[in-house]
Amino acid sequence: MIRDTHGDLIQMALAGDFDMIVHGCNCFCTMGAGIAKQIKATFPAAYEADCRTPKGDRNKLGTYSSAKVNDLTIINAYTQHHWQGSGQKADYDAIRSCLAKVAADFPNAKIGLPQISAGLAGGDWETILQIILEELGVTDATVVYYRP
């Protein structure tokens, strides 16, 4: 079942609201903007997991790396190849693949996610929300609309 709420995903995760958070990353091991930058600062192990993957490798699209911090798992979902330039960088097939893998690998997790790939990656939120509903619909997932 997919729910939604307003708040700060990272603060909610730190408070124990989720077993796992899933956020979108590019394939260049940067985590230098948006929520990825905040996750990097709050959970350095997530960035370290990202850095253990091949930098710039297009084959990472649709996969993820992960880090466990106490009882929280952070999923770095490779949903876009690069971050440069304007326009859409979100890859809908990669988003679908990442979320399908998360649902298969963690069927009982309580998942929190932001508006993944709809911000800096330029993806269409209605399209992405439909993918979330299709791929995570049988899981316990909450989309957190950012409100500080």
C-alpha atoms as a PDB file:
ATOM      1  CA  MET A   1       0.000   0.000   0.000  1.00  0.00           C
ATOM      2  CA  ILE A   2       1.353   3.415  -0.970  1.00  0.00           C
ATOM      3  CA  ARG A   3       0.733   6.327   1.354  1.00  0.00           C
ATOM      4  CA  ASP A   4       1.867   9.922   1.207  1.00  0.00           C
ATOM      5  CA  THR A   5       2.702  12.529   3.780  1.00  0.00           C
ATOM      6  CA  HIS A   6       4.447  15.864   4.091  1.00  0.00           C
ATOM      7  CA  GLY A   7       7.651  16.298   6.043  1.00  0.00           C
ATOM      8  CA  ASP A   8      11.387  15.709   5.977  1.00  0.00           C
ATOM      9  CA  LEU A   9      12.247  12.188   4.815  1.00  0.00           C
ATOM     10  CA  ILE A  10      15.654  12.197   6.484  1.00  0.00           C
ATOM     11  CA  GLN A  11      14.320  13.382   9.839  1.00  0.00           C
ATOM     12  CA  MET A  12      11.512  10.847   9.638  1.00  0.00           C
ATOM     13  CA  ALA A  13      14.044   8.096   8.896  1.00  0.00           C
ATOM     14  CA  LEU A  14      16.197   9.182  11.833  1.00  0.00           C
ATOM     15  CA  ALA A  15      13.093   9.064  14.039  1.00  0.00           C
ATOM     16  CA  GLY A  16      12.547   5.424  13.060  1.00  0.00           C
ATOM     17  CA  ASP A  17       9.529   5.913  10.807  1.00  0.00           C
ATOM     18  CA  PHE A  18      11.049   3.690   8.094  1.00  0.00           C
ATOM     19  CA  ASP A  19      13.222   0.580   7.776  1.00  0.00           C
ATOM     20  CA  MET A  20      14.531   1.886   4.480  1.00  0.00           C
ATOM     21  CA  ILE A  21      14.739   5.008   2.377  1.00  0.00           C
ATOM     22  CA  VAL A  22      15.113   4.960  -1.389  1.00  0.00           C
ATOM     23  CA  HIS A  23      16.463   7.968  -3.259  1.00  0.00           C
ATOM     24  CA  GLY A  24      17.585   8.558  -6.826  1.00  0.00           C
ATOM     25  CA  CYS A  25      21.248   8.905  -7.814  1.00  0.00           C
ATOM     26  CA  ASN A  26      23.193   9.526 -10.974  1.00  0.00           C
ATOM     27  CA  CYS A  27      25.872   7.076 -12.078  1.00  0.00           C
ATOM     28  CA  PHE A  28      28.846   9.357 -11.348  1.00  0.00           C
ATOM     29  CA  CYS A  29      29.194   8.866  -7.568  1.00  0.00           C
ATOM     30  CA  THR A  30      28.632  12.523  -6.739  1.00  0.00           C
ATOM     31  CA  MET A  31      25.588  12.837  -4.452  1.00  0.00           C
ATOM     32  CA  GLY A  32      26.260  16.556  -4.735  1.00  0.00           C
ATOM     33  CA  ALA A  33      22.788  18.112  -4.891  1.00  0.00           C
ATOM     34  CA  GLY A  34      19.199  17.711  -3.793  1.00  0.00           C
ATOM     35  CA  ILE A  35      18.242  15.066  -1.281  1.00  0.00           C
ATOM     36  CA  ALA A  36      21.244  12.943  -2.305  1.00  0.00           C
ATOM     37  CA  LYS A  37      23.534  15.657  -0.915  1.00  0.00           C
ATOM     38  CA  GLN A  38      21.578  15.661   2.345  1.00  0.00           C
ATOM     39  CA  ILE A  39      21.740  11.869   2.548  1.00  0.00           C
ATOM     40  CA  LYS A  40      25.488  11.978   1.889  1.00  0.00           C
ATOM     41  CA  ALA A  41      25.935  14.435   4.785  1.00  0.00           C
ATOM     42  CA  THR A  42      23.651  12.562   7.177  1.00  0.00           C
ATOM     43  CA  PHE A  43      24.571   8.992   6.227  1.00  0.00           C
ATOM     44  CA  PRO A  44      28.174   8.929   4.932  1.00  0.00           C
ATOM     45  CA  ALA A  45      27.960   5.142   4.573  1.00  0.00           C
ATOM     46  CA  ALA A  46      25.437   5.634   1.747  1.00  0.00           C
ATOM     47  CA  TYR A  47      27.955   7.752  -0.164  1.00  0.00           C
ATOM     48  CA  GLU A  48      30.699   5.210   0.551  1.00  0.00           C
ATOM     49  CA  ALA A  49      28.467   2.482  -0.934  1.00  0.00           C
ATOM     50  CA  ASP A  50      27.906   4.684  -3.996  1.00  0.00           C
ATOM     51  CA  CYS A  51      31.664   5.211  -4.377  1.00  0.00           C
ATOM     52  CA  ARG A  52      32.261   1.451  -4.420  1.00  0.00           C
ATOM     53  CA  THR A  53      30.400   1.280  -7.742  1.00  0.00           C
ATOM     54  CA  PRO A  54      32.041   2.076 -11.105  1.00  0.00           C
ATOM     55  CA  LYS A  55      31.966   5.844 -11.665  1.00  0.00           C
ATOM     56  CA  GLY A  56      30.012   6.868 -14.762  1.00  0.00           C
ATOM     57  CA  ASP A  57      29.029   3.308 -15.703  1.00  0.00           C
ATOM     58  CA  ARG A  58      25.776   3.444 -17.646  1.00  0.00           C
ATOM     59  CA  ASN A  59      25.198  -0.219 -16.719  1.00  0.00           C
ATOM     60  CA  LYS A  60      24.346   0.915 -13.185  1.00  0.00           C
ATOM     61  CA  LEU A  61      21.043   2.367 -14.436  1.00  0.00           C
ATOM     62  CA  GLY A  62      18.179   0.378 -12.949  1.00  0.00           C
ATOM     63  CA  THR A  63      20.305  -1.067 -10.135  1.00  0.00           C
ATOM     64  CA  TYR A  64      21.107   0.152  -6.661  1.00  0.00           C
ATOM     65  CA  SER A  65      23.774   0.205  -3.996  1.00  0.00           C
ATOM     66  CA  SER A  66      22.918   0.176  -0.320  1.00  0.00           C
ATOM     67  CA  ALA A  67      24.208   0.919   3.137  1.00  0.00           C
ATOM     68  CA  LYS A  68      22.961  -0.143   6.531  1.00  0.00           C
ATOM     69  CA  VAL A  69      23.099   2.498   9.263  1.00  0.00           C
ATOM     70  CA  ASN A  70      21.879   1.067  12.558  1.00  0.00           C
ATOM     71  CA  ASP A  71      18.398  -0.275  11.719  1.00  0.00           C
ATOM     72  CA  LEU A  72      18.001   1.837   8.577  1.00  0.00           C
ATOM     73  CA  THR A  73      18.874   0.746   5.043  1.00  0.00           C
ATOM     74  CA  ILE A  74      19.620   3.489   2.534  1.00  0.00           C
ATOM     75  CA  ILE A  75      19.100   2.581  -1.111  1.00  0.00           C
ATOM     76  CA  ASN A  76      21.000   4.586  -3.730  1.00  0.00           C
ATOM     77  CA  ALA A  77      18.799   3.913  -6.762  1.00  0.00           C
ATOM     78  CA  TYR A  78      20.571   4.630 -10.057  1.00  0.00           C
ATOM     79  CA  THR A  79      17.735   6.410 -11.844  1.00  0.00           C
ATOM     80  CA  GLN A  80      19.667   8.798 -14.088  1.00  0.00           C
ATOM     81  CA  HIS A  81      22.981   8.555 -15.896  1.00  0.00           C
ATOM     82  CA  HIS A  82      24.313  12.079 -15.368  1.00  0.00           C
ATOM     83  CA  TRP A  83      23.325  15.371 -13.763  1.00  0.00           C
ATOM     84  CA  GLN A  84      24.583  17.914 -16.293  1.00  0.00           C
ATOM     85  CA  GLY A  85      22.519  20.345 -18.318  1.00  0.00           C
ATOM     86  CA  SER A  86      18.860  21.133 -18.301  1.00  0.00           C
ATOM     87  CA  GLY A  87      15.890  19.003 -19.205  1.00  0.00           C
ATOM     88  CA  GLN A  88      14.886  15.521 -18.212  1.00  0.00           C
ATOM     89  CA  LYS A  89      17.650  13.283 -16.932  1.00  0.00           C
ATOM     90  CA  ALA A  90      15.351  10.816 -15.154  1.00  0.00           C
ATOM     91  CA  ASP A  91      15.221   7.414 -16.837  1.00  0.00           C
ATOM     92  CA  TYR A  92      11.761   5.909 -16.317  1.00  0.00           C
ATOM     93  CA  ASP A  93      12.884   2.380 -17.184  1.00  0.00           C
ATOM     94  CA  ALA A  94      15.694   2.673 -14.622  1.00  0.00           C
ATOM     95  CA  ILE A  95      13.261   3.967 -11.989  1.00  0.00           C
ATOM     96  CA  ARG A  96      10.937   1.038 -12.676  1.00  0.00           C
ATOM     97  CA  SER A  97      13.777  -1.463 -12.535  1.00  0.00           C
ATOM     98  CA  CYS A  98      15.159  -0.058  -9.265  1.00  0.00           C
ATOM     99  CA  LEU A  99      11.789  -0.082  -7.554  1.00  0.00           C
ATOM    100  CA  ALA A 100      10.967  -3.590  -8.791  1.00  0.00           C
ATOM    101  CA  LYS A 101      14.285  -4.832  -7.383  1.00  0.00           C
ATOM    102  CA  VAL A 102      13.650  -3.096  -4.039  1.00  0.00           C
ATOM    103  CA  ALA A 103      10.170  -4.639  -3.819  1.00  0.00           C
ATOM    104  CA  ALA A 104      11.579  -8.091  -4.591  1.00  0.00           C
ATOM    105  CA  ASP A 105      14.620  -7.811  -2.321  1.00  0.00           C
ATOM    106  CA  PHE A 106      12.854  -6.177   0.655  1.00  0.00           C
ATOM    107  CA  PRO A 107       9.201  -7.286   0.555  1.00  0.00           C
ATOM    108  CA  ASN A 108       8.579  -6.640   4.241  1.00  0.00           C
ATOM    109  CA  ALA A 109      10.390  -3.327   4.650  1.00  0.00           C
ATOM    110  CA  LYS A 110       8.658  -0.119   5.616  1.00  0.00           C
ATOM    111  CA  ILE A 111       9.919   2.139   2.803  1.00  0.00           C
ATOM    112  CA  GLY A 112      10.153   5.922   2.647  1.00  0.00           C
ATOM    113  CA  LEU A 113      10.974   7.790  -0.524  1.00  0.00           C
ATOM    114  CA  PRO A 114      10.999  11.367  -1.776  1.00  0.00           C
ATOM    115  CA  GLN A 115       9.574  12.529  -5.084  1.00  0.00           C
ATOM    116  CA  ILE A 116      12.312  10.405  -6.610  1.00  0.00           C
ATOM    117  CA  SER A 117      13.743  11.796  -9.879  1.00  0.00           C
ATOM    118  CA  ALA A 118      11.107  14.537 -10.130  1.00  0.00           C
ATOM    119  CA  GLY A 119      13.291  17.364  -8.833  1.00  0.00           C
ATOM    120  CA  LEU A 120      16.736  18.010 -10.250  1.00  0.00           C
ATOM    121  CA  ALA A 121      16.460  14.994 -12.566  1.00  0.00           C
ATOM    122  CA  GLY A 122      13.483  16.648 -14.269  1.00  0.00           C
ATOM    123  CA  GLY A 123      11.182  13.641 -14.390  1.00  0.00           C
ATOM    124  CA  ASP A 124       7.410  14.023 -14.696  1.00  0.00           C
ATOM    125  CA  TRP A 125       5.995  13.368 -11.230  1.00  0.00           C
ATOM    126  CA  GLU A 126       2.705  11.870 -12.456  1.00  0.00           C
ATOM    127  CA  THR A 127       4.624   9.344 -14.583  1.00  0.00           C
ATOM    128  CA  ILE A 128       6.962   8.508 -11.702  1.00  0.00           C
ATOM    129  CA  LEU A 129       4.106   8.202  -9.209  1.00  0.00           C
ATOM    130  CA  GLN A 130       2.409   5.714 -11.518  1.00  0.00           C
ATOM    131  CA  ILE A 131       5.645   3.671 -11.629  1.00  0.00           C
ATOM    132  CA  ILE A 132       5.823   3.758  -7.809  1.00  0.00           C
ATOM    133  CA  LEU A 133       2.219   2.551  -7.546  1.00  0.00           C
ATOM    134  CA  GLU A 134       2.875  -0.270 -10.017  1.00  0.00           C
ATOM    135  CA  GLU A 135       6.207  -1.433  -8.583  1.00  0.00           C
ATOM    136  CA  LEU A 136       5.825  -0.761  -4.843  1.00  0.00           C
ATOM    137  CA  GLY A 137       2.054  -1.119  -4.568  1.00  0.00           C
ATOM    138  CA  VAL A 138       2.272  -4.392  -2.634  1.00  0.00           C
ATOM    139  CA  THR A 139       4.831  -3.019  -0.166  1.00  0.00           C
ATOM    140  CA  ASP A 140       4.522  -0.717   2.828  1.00  0.00           C
ATOM    141  CA  ALA A 141       5.750   2.489   1.173  1.00  0.00           C
ATOM    142  CA  THR A 142       5.294   6.175   1.874  1.00  0.00           C
ATOM    143  CA  VAL A 143       6.091   9.039  -0.465  1.00  0.00           C
ATOM    144  CA  VAL A 144       7.255  11.994   1.593  1.00  0.00           C
ATOM    145  CA  TYR A 145       6.575  15.370  -0.003  1.00  0.00           C
ATOM    146  CA  TYR A 146       9.267  17.644   1.377  1.00  0.00           C
ATOM    147  CA  ARG A 147       8.181  20.191   3.919  1.00  0.00           C
ATOM    148  CA  PRO A 148      10.894  21.412   6.323  1.00  0.00           C
END
